[in-house]
């Protein structure tokens, strides 16, 4: 299991916090969104039609965090930072404070996937560059 944070490239005020379970068939976090993006998720209206992989950027991945930790991050953003929320998307977050919270309170260990992981996911999922 792990928790990821992505940022929208066109509307960078929006970030999404979600989770991905690492399995043999889905061995890195890119397998969560490289094929289908986030069209199945509740999204803010301005990004509703642009939630494909090319519209988002992976900011961080914490493989040691669980879905319980994901919920704690959601609560932190909504209640402590008072961020506007739409599904798992949050607007105008202080990313430094968020990183500090994840590291100090949840003991999150940042482990970013490599460029090879992205290439591998695209090849396995038959995604053209």
C-alpha atoms as a PDB file:
ATOM      1  CA  UNK A   1       0.000   0.000   0.000  1.00  0.00           C
ATOM      2  CA  UNK A   2       1.111   3.572  -0.412  1.00  0.00           C
ATOM      3  CA  UNK A   3      -0.164   7.132  -0.554  1.00  0.00           C
ATOM      4  CA  UNK A   4       0.501   9.376  -3.539  1.00  0.00           C
ATOM      5  CA  UNK A   5       0.113  13.098  -4.085  1.00  0.00           C
ATOM      6  CA  UNK A   6      -0.347  14.433  -7.603  1.00  0.00           C
ATOM      7  CA  UNK A   7      -0.738  17.979  -8.862  1.00  0.00           C
ATOM      8  CA  UNK A   8      -2.745  19.097 -11.860  1.00  0.00           C
ATOM      9  CA  UNK A   9      -0.504  20.651 -14.518  1.00  0.00           C
ATOM     10  CA  UNK A  10      -3.053  23.029 -16.049  1.00  0.00           C
ATOM     11  CA  UNK A  11      -4.652  24.025 -12.732  1.00  0.00           C
ATOM     12  CA  UNK A  12      -1.703  23.603 -10.336  1.00  0.00           C
ATOM     13  CA  UNK A  13      -3.708  24.878  -7.379  1.00  0.00           C
ATOM     14  CA  UNK A  14      -5.375  21.453  -7.249  1.00  0.00           C
ATOM     15  CA  UNK A  15      -3.655  18.409  -5.741  1.00  0.00           C
ATOM     16  CA  UNK A  16      -5.048  14.924  -5.230  1.00  0.00           C
ATOM     17  CA  UNK A  17      -4.218  12.586  -2.366  1.00  0.00           C
ATOM     18  CA  UNK A  18      -4.959   8.917  -2.950  1.00  0.00           C
ATOM     19  CA  UNK A  19      -3.616   5.420  -2.421  1.00  0.00           C
ATOM     20  CA  UNK A  20      -2.222   2.630  -4.554  1.00  0.00           C
ATOM     21  CA  UNK A  21      -1.583  -0.958  -3.576  1.00  0.00           C
ATOM     22  CA  UNK A  22       1.674  -2.290  -4.980  1.00  0.00           C
ATOM     23  CA  UNK A  23       1.149  -5.786  -6.432  1.00  0.00           C
ATOM     24  CA  UNK A  24       2.990  -8.026  -8.857  1.00  0.00           C
ATOM     25  CA  UNK A  25       0.674  -6.867 -11.670  1.00  0.00           C
ATOM     26  CA  UNK A  26       0.818  -3.196 -10.585  1.00  0.00           C
ATOM     27  CA  UNK A  27       4.385  -2.862  -9.264  1.00  0.00           C
ATOM     28  CA  UNK A  28       4.620   0.927  -9.071  1.00  0.00           C
ATOM     29  CA  UNK A  29       2.363   3.911  -8.453  1.00  0.00           C
ATOM     30  CA  UNK A  30       2.218   4.870 -12.134  1.00  0.00           C
ATOM     31  CA  UNK A  31       0.003   1.835 -12.714  1.00  0.00           C
ATOM     32  CA  UNK A  32      -2.701   3.686 -10.736  1.00  0.00           C
ATOM     33  CA  UNK A  33      -3.168   6.516 -13.207  1.00  0.00           C
ATOM     34  CA  UNK A  34      -1.084   6.142 -16.366  1.00  0.00           C
ATOM     35  CA  UNK A  35      -3.883   4.390 -18.290  1.00  0.00           C
ATOM     36  CA  UNK A  36      -7.122   5.780 -16.936  1.00  0.00           C
ATOM     37  CA  UNK A  37      -6.132   8.988 -15.183  1.00  0.00           C
ATOM     38  CA  UNK A  38      -8.650  10.106 -12.589  1.00  0.00           C
ATOM     39  CA  UNK A  39     -11.863  10.189 -14.619  1.00  0.00           C
ATOM     40  CA  UNK A  40     -13.488   7.727 -12.220  1.00  0.00           C
ATOM     41  CA  UNK A  41     -12.937  10.115  -9.288  1.00  0.00           C
ATOM     42  CA  UNK A  42     -14.947  13.110  -8.177  1.00  0.00           C
ATOM     43  CA  UNK A  43     -13.132  16.111  -9.635  1.00  0.00           C
ATOM     44  CA  UNK A  44     -13.450  19.881  -9.467  1.00  0.00           C
ATOM     45  CA  UNK A  45     -15.488  21.181 -12.431  1.00  0.00           C
ATOM     46  CA  UNK A  46     -12.545  22.946 -14.090  1.00  0.00           C
ATOM     47  CA  UNK A  47     -10.537  19.725 -14.392  1.00  0.00           C
ATOM     48  CA  UNK A  48     -13.430  17.324 -15.032  1.00  0.00           C
ATOM     49  CA  UNK A  49     -12.470  16.704 -18.672  1.00  0.00           C
ATOM     50  CA  UNK A  50      -8.703  16.862 -18.228  1.00  0.00           C
ATOM     51  CA  UNK A  51      -7.764  14.195 -15.701  1.00  0.00           C
ATOM     52  CA  UNK A  52      -5.602  12.046 -17.960  1.00  0.00           C
ATOM     53  CA  UNK A  53      -2.022  11.125 -17.145  1.00  0.00           C
ATOM     54  CA  UNK A  54      -0.605  13.947 -19.256  1.00  0.00           C
ATOM     55  CA  UNK A  55      -2.550  16.466 -17.148  1.00  0.00           C
ATOM     56  CA  UNK A  56      -1.049  15.429 -13.806  1.00  0.00           C
ATOM     57  CA  UNK A  57       2.347  15.306 -12.170  1.00  0.00           C
ATOM     58  CA  UNK A  58       3.357  12.940  -9.399  1.00  0.00           C
ATOM     59  CA  UNK A  59       4.658  15.031  -6.502  1.00  0.00           C
ATOM     60  CA  UNK A  60       5.303  12.313  -3.942  1.00  0.00           C
ATOM     61  CA  UNK A  61       4.737   8.686  -3.059  1.00  0.00           C
ATOM     62  CA  UNK A  62       4.914   7.230   0.443  1.00  0.00           C
ATOM     63  CA  UNK A  63       4.873   3.410   0.162  1.00  0.00           C
ATOM     64  CA  UNK A  64       4.805   2.884   3.927  1.00  0.00           C
ATOM     65  CA  UNK A  65       1.513   4.756   4.427  1.00  0.00           C
ATOM     66  CA  UNK A  66      -1.916   3.101   4.515  1.00  0.00           C
ATOM     67  CA  UNK A  67      -5.452   4.095   3.616  1.00  0.00           C
ATOM     68  CA  UNK A  68      -5.879   5.165   7.266  1.00  0.00           C
ATOM     69  CA  UNK A  69      -2.983   7.569   6.766  1.00  0.00           C
ATOM     70  CA  UNK A  70      -4.565   8.797   3.536  1.00  0.00           C
ATOM     71  CA  UNK A  71      -7.714   9.688   5.514  1.00  0.00           C
ATOM     72  CA  UNK A  72      -5.582  11.500   8.102  1.00  0.00           C
ATOM     73  CA  UNK A  73      -4.010  13.557   5.307  1.00  0.00           C
ATOM     74  CA  UNK A  74      -7.475  14.380   3.955  1.00  0.00           C
ATOM     75  CA  UNK A  75      -8.565  15.512   7.436  1.00  0.00           C
ATOM     76  CA  UNK A  76      -5.386  17.531   7.877  1.00  0.00           C
ATOM     77  CA  UNK A  77      -5.920  19.363   4.600  1.00  0.00           C
ATOM     78  CA  UNK A  78      -9.597  19.987   5.181  1.00  0.00           C
ATOM     79  CA  UNK A  79      -9.589  20.786   8.896  1.00  0.00           C
ATOM     80  CA  UNK A  80      -6.128  22.163   9.660  1.00  0.00           C
ATOM     81  CA  UNK A  81      -5.212  23.888   6.412  1.00  0.00           C
ATOM     82  CA  UNK A  82      -8.890  24.705   5.670  1.00  0.00           C
ATOM     83  CA  UNK A  83      -8.524  23.746   2.020  1.00  0.00           C
ATOM     84  CA  UNK A  84     -11.468  23.559  -0.339  1.00  0.00           C
ATOM     85  CA  UNK A  85     -12.151  19.910  -1.123  1.00  0.00           C
ATOM     86  CA  UNK A  86     -13.759  18.189  -4.084  1.00  0.00           C
ATOM     87  CA  UNK A  87     -13.575  14.416  -3.687  1.00  0.00           C
ATOM     88  CA  UNK A  88      -9.901  13.643  -3.021  1.00  0.00           C
ATOM     89  CA  UNK A  89      -8.797  16.891  -4.695  1.00  0.00           C
ATOM     90  CA  UNK A  90      -7.743  19.849  -2.536  1.00  0.00           C
ATOM     91  CA  UNK A  91      -7.212  23.430  -3.620  1.00  0.00           C
ATOM     92  CA  UNK A  92      -4.317  25.750  -2.841  1.00  0.00           C
ATOM     93  CA  UNK A  93      -2.413  23.580  -0.349  1.00  0.00           C
ATOM     94  CA  UNK A  94       0.805  24.524   1.383  1.00  0.00           C
ATOM     95  CA  UNK A  95       2.911  21.612   0.133  1.00  0.00           C
ATOM     96  CA  UNK A  96       5.776  22.314   2.547  1.00  0.00           C
ATOM     97  CA  UNK A  97       3.436  22.084   5.540  1.00  0.00           C
ATOM     98  CA  UNK A  98       1.842  18.972   4.078  1.00  0.00           C
ATOM     99  CA  UNK A  99       5.251  17.295   3.654  1.00  0.00           C
ATOM    100  CA  UNK A 100       6.157  18.276   7.215  1.00  0.00           C
ATOM    101  CA  UNK A 101       2.900  16.769   8.539  1.00  0.00           C
ATOM    102  CA  UNK A 102       3.416  13.517   6.611  1.00  0.00           C
ATOM    103  CA  UNK A 103       7.023  13.149   7.738  1.00  0.00           C
ATOM    104  CA  UNK A 104       6.625  14.199  11.382  1.00  0.00           C
ATOM    105  CA  UNK A 105       3.162  12.911  12.266  1.00  0.00           C
ATOM    106  CA  UNK A 106       2.687   9.913   9.990  1.00  0.00           C
ATOM    107  CA  UNK A 107       6.350   8.925   9.642  1.00  0.00           C
ATOM    108  CA  UNK A 108       5.930   8.883   5.869  1.00  0.00           C
ATOM    109  CA  UNK A 109       8.959   7.728   3.910  1.00  0.00           C
ATOM    110  CA  UNK A 110       9.204   9.420   0.528  1.00  0.00           C
ATOM    111  CA  UNK A 111      10.161   6.977  -2.234  1.00  0.00           C
ATOM    112  CA  UNK A 112       9.683   8.382  -5.709  1.00  0.00           C
ATOM    113  CA  UNK A 113       9.467   5.966  -8.631  1.00  0.00           C
ATOM    114  CA  UNK A 114      12.150   6.198 -11.281  1.00  0.00           C
ATOM    115  CA  UNK A 115      11.850   7.266 -14.908  1.00  0.00           C
ATOM    116  CA  UNK A 116      12.214   3.581 -15.726  1.00  0.00           C
ATOM    117  CA  UNK A 117       9.111   2.844 -13.599  1.00  0.00           C
ATOM    118  CA  UNK A 118       7.113   5.261 -15.740  1.00  0.00           C
ATOM    119  CA  UNK A 119       8.436   3.766 -18.978  1.00  0.00           C
ATOM    120  CA  UNK A 120       7.695   0.262 -17.694  1.00  0.00           C
ATOM    121  CA  UNK A 121       4.122   1.194 -16.742  1.00  0.00           C
ATOM    122  CA  UNK A 122       3.522   2.770 -20.152  1.00  0.00           C
ATOM    123  CA  UNK A 123       4.913  -0.289 -21.941  1.00  0.00           C
ATOM    124  CA  UNK A 124       2.912  -2.761 -19.874  1.00  0.00           C
ATOM    125  CA  UNK A 125      -0.288  -0.750 -20.240  1.00  0.00           C
ATOM    126  CA  UNK A 126       0.389  -0.116 -23.944  1.00  0.00           C
ATOM    127  CA  UNK A 127       0.389   3.681 -23.611  1.00  0.00           C
ATOM    128  CA  UNK A 128       2.036   5.737 -26.339  1.00  0.00           C
ATOM    129  CA  UNK A 129       4.321   8.551 -25.266  1.00  0.00           C
END
